Protein backbone atom coordinates (compact mmCIF):
# COMPACT_ATOMS: atom_id res chain seq x y z
CA MET A 1 -23.31 12.41 8.27
CA ASN A 2 -24.61 12.65 11.86
CA VAL A 3 -26.05 15.65 13.63
CA ARG A 4 -22.71 16.34 15.51
CA GLU A 5 -20.68 16.31 12.18
CA SER A 6 -23.28 18.66 10.58
CA SER A 7 -23.17 20.93 13.56
CA SER A 8 -19.30 20.98 13.41
CA ASN A 9 -19.42 21.86 9.69
CA VAL A 10 -21.80 24.67 10.35
CA GLU A 11 -19.54 26.07 13.11
CA ILE A 12 -16.47 25.94 10.91
CA PHE A 13 -18.41 27.78 8.03
CA ILE A 14 -19.56 30.52 10.52
CA ALA A 15 -16.03 30.89 11.95
CA GLU A 16 -14.51 31.13 8.39
CA ALA A 17 -17.23 33.71 7.26
CA THR A 18 -16.68 35.75 10.45
CA ALA A 19 -12.93 35.82 9.96
CA ARG A 20 -13.42 37.01 6.33
CA MET A 21 -15.86 39.63 7.39
CA LYS A 22 -13.47 40.87 10.04
CA LYS A 23 -10.60 41.02 7.50
CA LEU A 24 -12.86 42.92 5.02
CA THR A 25 -14.18 45.47 7.55
CA GLY A 26 -10.65 45.97 8.87
CA ARG A 27 -9.47 46.65 5.41
CA LEU A 28 -12.32 49.09 4.73
CA ALA A 29 -11.70 50.82 8.05
CA GLU A 30 -7.95 51.17 7.09
CA THR A 31 -8.67 52.55 3.65
CA TRP A 32 -12.04 54.23 4.30
CA GLY A 33 -13.31 52.35 1.34
CA LEU A 34 -12.03 55.01 -1.02
CA GLY A 35 -10.23 52.74 -3.34
CA ALA A 36 -13.34 50.53 -3.81
CA SER A 37 -15.49 53.68 -4.23
CA ALA A 38 -13.15 54.98 -6.99
CA SER A 39 -13.22 51.56 -8.72
CA ALA A 40 -17.11 51.53 -8.61
CA LEU A 41 -17.27 55.13 -9.80
CA GLY A 42 -14.81 54.43 -12.67
CA ALA A 43 -16.98 51.37 -13.81
CA LEU A 44 -20.08 53.54 -13.72
CA LEU A 45 -18.37 56.32 -15.83
CA LEU A 46 -17.19 53.64 -18.30
CA LEU A 47 -20.57 52.10 -18.82
CA SER A 48 -22.52 55.42 -18.92
CA GLY A 49 -19.89 56.88 -21.22
CA ILE A 50 -20.24 54.07 -23.74
CA VAL A 51 -24.04 54.68 -23.89
CA LEU A 52 -23.60 58.48 -24.31
CA MET A 53 -21.18 57.98 -27.24
CA PHE A 54 -24.12 56.73 -29.28
CA HIS A 55 -25.93 60.02 -28.65
CA TYR A 56 -23.13 62.55 -29.34
CA ARG A 57 -21.44 63.58 -32.67
CA PRO A 58 -18.05 65.43 -32.25
CA MET A 59 -18.76 68.23 -34.72
CA THR A 60 -18.86 71.88 -33.79
CA ALA A 61 -22.20 72.38 -35.63
CA LEU A 62 -23.90 69.42 -33.86
CA ALA A 63 -22.26 69.00 -30.50
CA TRP A 64 -24.47 71.38 -28.56
CA ALA A 65 -27.62 70.24 -30.28
CA ASP A 66 -26.81 66.65 -29.26
CA VAL A 67 -26.40 67.68 -25.67
CA VAL A 68 -29.70 69.50 -25.83
CA ASP A 69 -31.34 66.40 -27.16
CA LEU A 70 -29.71 64.42 -24.46
CA ARG A 71 -31.21 66.68 -21.73
CA GLU A 72 -34.72 66.34 -23.28
CA ALA A 73 -34.52 62.59 -23.45
CA SER A 74 -35.50 61.59 -19.99
CA ALA A 75 -33.68 58.20 -19.57
CA VAL A 76 -30.54 59.16 -21.42
CA GLY A 77 -30.63 62.65 -20.03
CA ALA A 78 -30.59 61.11 -16.55
CA LEU A 79 -27.65 59.04 -17.49
CA ARG A 80 -25.70 62.09 -18.64
CA GLY A 81 -26.37 63.67 -15.26
CA LEU A 82 -25.20 60.40 -13.62
CA HIS A 83 -22.04 60.44 -15.77
CA TYR A 84 -21.35 64.14 -14.89
CA TRP A 85 -21.80 63.80 -11.13
CA SER A 86 -19.97 60.52 -10.93
CA ALA A 87 -16.97 62.30 -12.52
CA GLN A 88 -17.18 65.11 -9.97
CA ILE A 89 -17.39 62.66 -7.09
CA LEU A 90 -14.55 60.46 -8.50
CA VAL A 91 -12.16 63.59 -8.47
CA LEU A 92 -13.14 64.26 -4.79
CA VAL A 93 -12.63 60.52 -3.85
CA LEU A 94 -9.30 60.40 -5.54
CA TRP A 95 -8.12 63.54 -3.70
CA LEU A 96 -9.29 62.16 -0.45
CA HIS A 97 -7.59 58.68 -1.22
CA LEU A 98 -4.19 60.43 -1.86
CA LEU A 99 -4.65 62.62 1.19
CA ARG A 100 -5.25 59.59 3.40
CA VAL A 101 -2.19 57.79 1.93
CA PHE A 102 -0.01 60.92 2.38
CA LEU A 103 -1.12 61.61 5.99
CA GLY A 104 -0.69 57.93 6.79
CA GLY A 105 2.92 58.15 5.54
CA ARG A 106 2.28 55.35 3.07
CA HIS A 107 3.87 57.29 0.20
CA ARG A 108 7.41 56.67 1.49
CA ALA A 109 10.09 54.18 0.87
CA ALA A 110 8.89 50.88 -0.72
CA ARG A 111 5.47 52.35 -1.66
CA ARG A 112 6.81 55.49 -3.34
CA GLY A 113 6.32 53.92 -6.86
CA ASN A 114 2.63 53.19 -6.16
CA TRP A 115 2.16 56.75 -4.79
CA MET A 116 3.47 58.12 -8.13
CA VAL A 117 1.16 55.87 -10.02
CA GLY A 118 -1.76 57.18 -7.87
CA VAL A 119 -0.70 60.73 -8.65
CA LEU A 120 -0.53 60.06 -12.31
CA LEU A 121 -3.97 58.40 -12.11
CA LEU A 122 -5.44 61.54 -10.45
CA VAL A 123 -3.80 63.80 -13.16
CA THR A 124 -5.26 61.49 -15.88
CA THR A 125 -8.70 61.78 -14.17
CA LEU A 126 -8.46 65.56 -14.11
CA ALA A 127 -7.54 65.58 -17.74
CA MET A 128 -10.68 63.41 -18.57
CA ALA A 129 -12.76 65.81 -16.58
CA ALA A 130 -11.28 68.83 -18.40
CA THR A 131 -11.90 67.31 -21.78
CA GLY A 132 -15.39 66.21 -20.82
CA HIS A 133 -16.26 69.90 -19.97
CA LEU A 134 -15.25 70.86 -23.49
CA LEU A 135 -17.42 68.31 -25.36
CA PRO A 136 -20.68 70.25 -25.18
CA TRP A 137 -18.96 73.11 -27.13
CA ASP A 138 -21.05 75.75 -25.27
CA GLN A 139 -20.17 78.87 -23.15
CA GLN A 140 -18.52 76.62 -20.57
CA ALA A 141 -16.21 75.30 -23.21
CA VAL A 142 -15.45 78.85 -24.35
CA SER A 143 -14.54 79.78 -20.66
CA ALA A 144 -12.39 76.79 -20.44
CA TRP A 145 -10.62 77.66 -23.65
CA ALA A 146 -10.16 81.26 -22.42
CA LEU A 147 -8.51 80.04 -19.17
CA GLN A 148 -6.04 77.97 -21.21
CA HIS A 149 -5.38 80.89 -23.66
CA PRO A 150 -5.31 84.12 -21.61
CA SER A 151 -6.32 87.29 -23.55
CA PRO A 152 -6.89 90.90 -22.45
CA SER A 153 -10.22 90.86 -24.20
CA PRO A 154 -13.27 88.96 -22.73
CA PRO A 155 -14.04 85.47 -24.10
CA PRO A 156 -16.23 85.41 -27.05
CA ALA A 157 -19.94 84.25 -26.91
CA SER A 158 -19.16 81.27 -28.99
CA PRO A 159 -16.08 79.02 -29.59
CA PRO A 160 -13.38 80.87 -31.62
CA SER A 161 -13.40 80.18 -35.36
CA GLU A 162 -9.92 78.84 -35.27
CA LEU A 163 -11.21 75.90 -33.13
CA GLY A 164 -12.98 73.76 -35.66
CA ASP A 165 -14.10 70.15 -36.01
CA GLY A 166 -10.57 68.82 -35.89
CA HIS A 167 -10.03 70.34 -32.42
CA LEU A 168 -13.27 69.02 -31.07
CA LEU A 169 -12.54 65.57 -32.52
CA TRP A 170 -9.13 65.61 -30.92
CA VAL A 171 -10.71 66.49 -27.44
CA TYR A 172 -13.35 63.67 -28.07
CA ALA A 173 -10.69 61.09 -28.93
CA ALA A 174 -8.64 62.06 -25.88
CA HIS A 175 -11.66 61.93 -23.61
CA CYS A 176 -13.25 58.75 -24.92
CA VAL A 177 -10.06 56.68 -26.05
CA VAL A 178 -6.67 57.90 -25.12
CA LEU A 179 -7.08 58.95 -21.54
CA PRO A 180 -9.30 56.07 -20.56
CA LEU A 181 -6.64 53.55 -21.90
CA VAL A 182 -3.95 55.42 -20.00
CA ALA A 183 -6.14 55.38 -16.82
CA ALA A 184 -6.74 51.54 -17.35
CA ALA A 185 -3.13 50.89 -17.63
CA LEU A 186 -2.40 52.98 -14.46
CA ILE A 187 -5.22 51.12 -12.59
CA VAL A 188 -3.77 47.71 -13.42
CA GLU A 189 -0.27 48.80 -12.38
CA HIS A 190 -1.70 50.40 -9.16
CA ARG A 191 -3.52 47.18 -8.23
CA ARG A 192 -0.42 45.04 -9.05
CA ARG A 193 1.77 47.13 -6.79
CA HIS A 194 -0.88 47.25 -4.06
CA ARG A 195 -1.16 43.49 -4.00
CA ARG A 196 2.62 43.11 -3.93
CA ASP A 197 2.98 45.70 -1.09
CA ARG A 198 0.29 43.83 0.94
CA SER A 199 2.03 40.51 0.49
CA HIS A 200 5.27 41.95 1.84
CA ARG A 201 3.68 43.24 5.12
């Protein structure tokens, strides 16, 4: 290979790389990078959640003690904080993503199905956030329970006696197994429809 051919190959490589970068930056400018951000946050929540599962027991007598232990353990405690704030940011990112799609008019006609999948994904994420708030089984969980079961009397200082281990285990299973599986199925369908819609442009 002579110098001229080598130089030509380098020029072709640079041109192709530049075209790819323009396509990527154009796509990010179009979507504000919200879809990619949501995917990254979802992966972070999955990984941190798997680790936290090994440090939490879904029993009313032990749940709060496990959360306190997590707070005192520097590395895992930091991971719990990362899990919590990633969930809050994910909810915000999904709201912004849906708002951008709505304001851009991309929820109409052929893309209506993917819009509905996105709305269901947001609802599933909110359900995961709600069940996650109940897992510490503390005053915050009591307040959340009171909001779902209005009563003229103020909420008790501890979870009501009728809410036992079975209820907490149900919440735990919903948060760690059922809702993540639903979210995964919706993400796969959302990406499939997104790729199909892009190919029909």
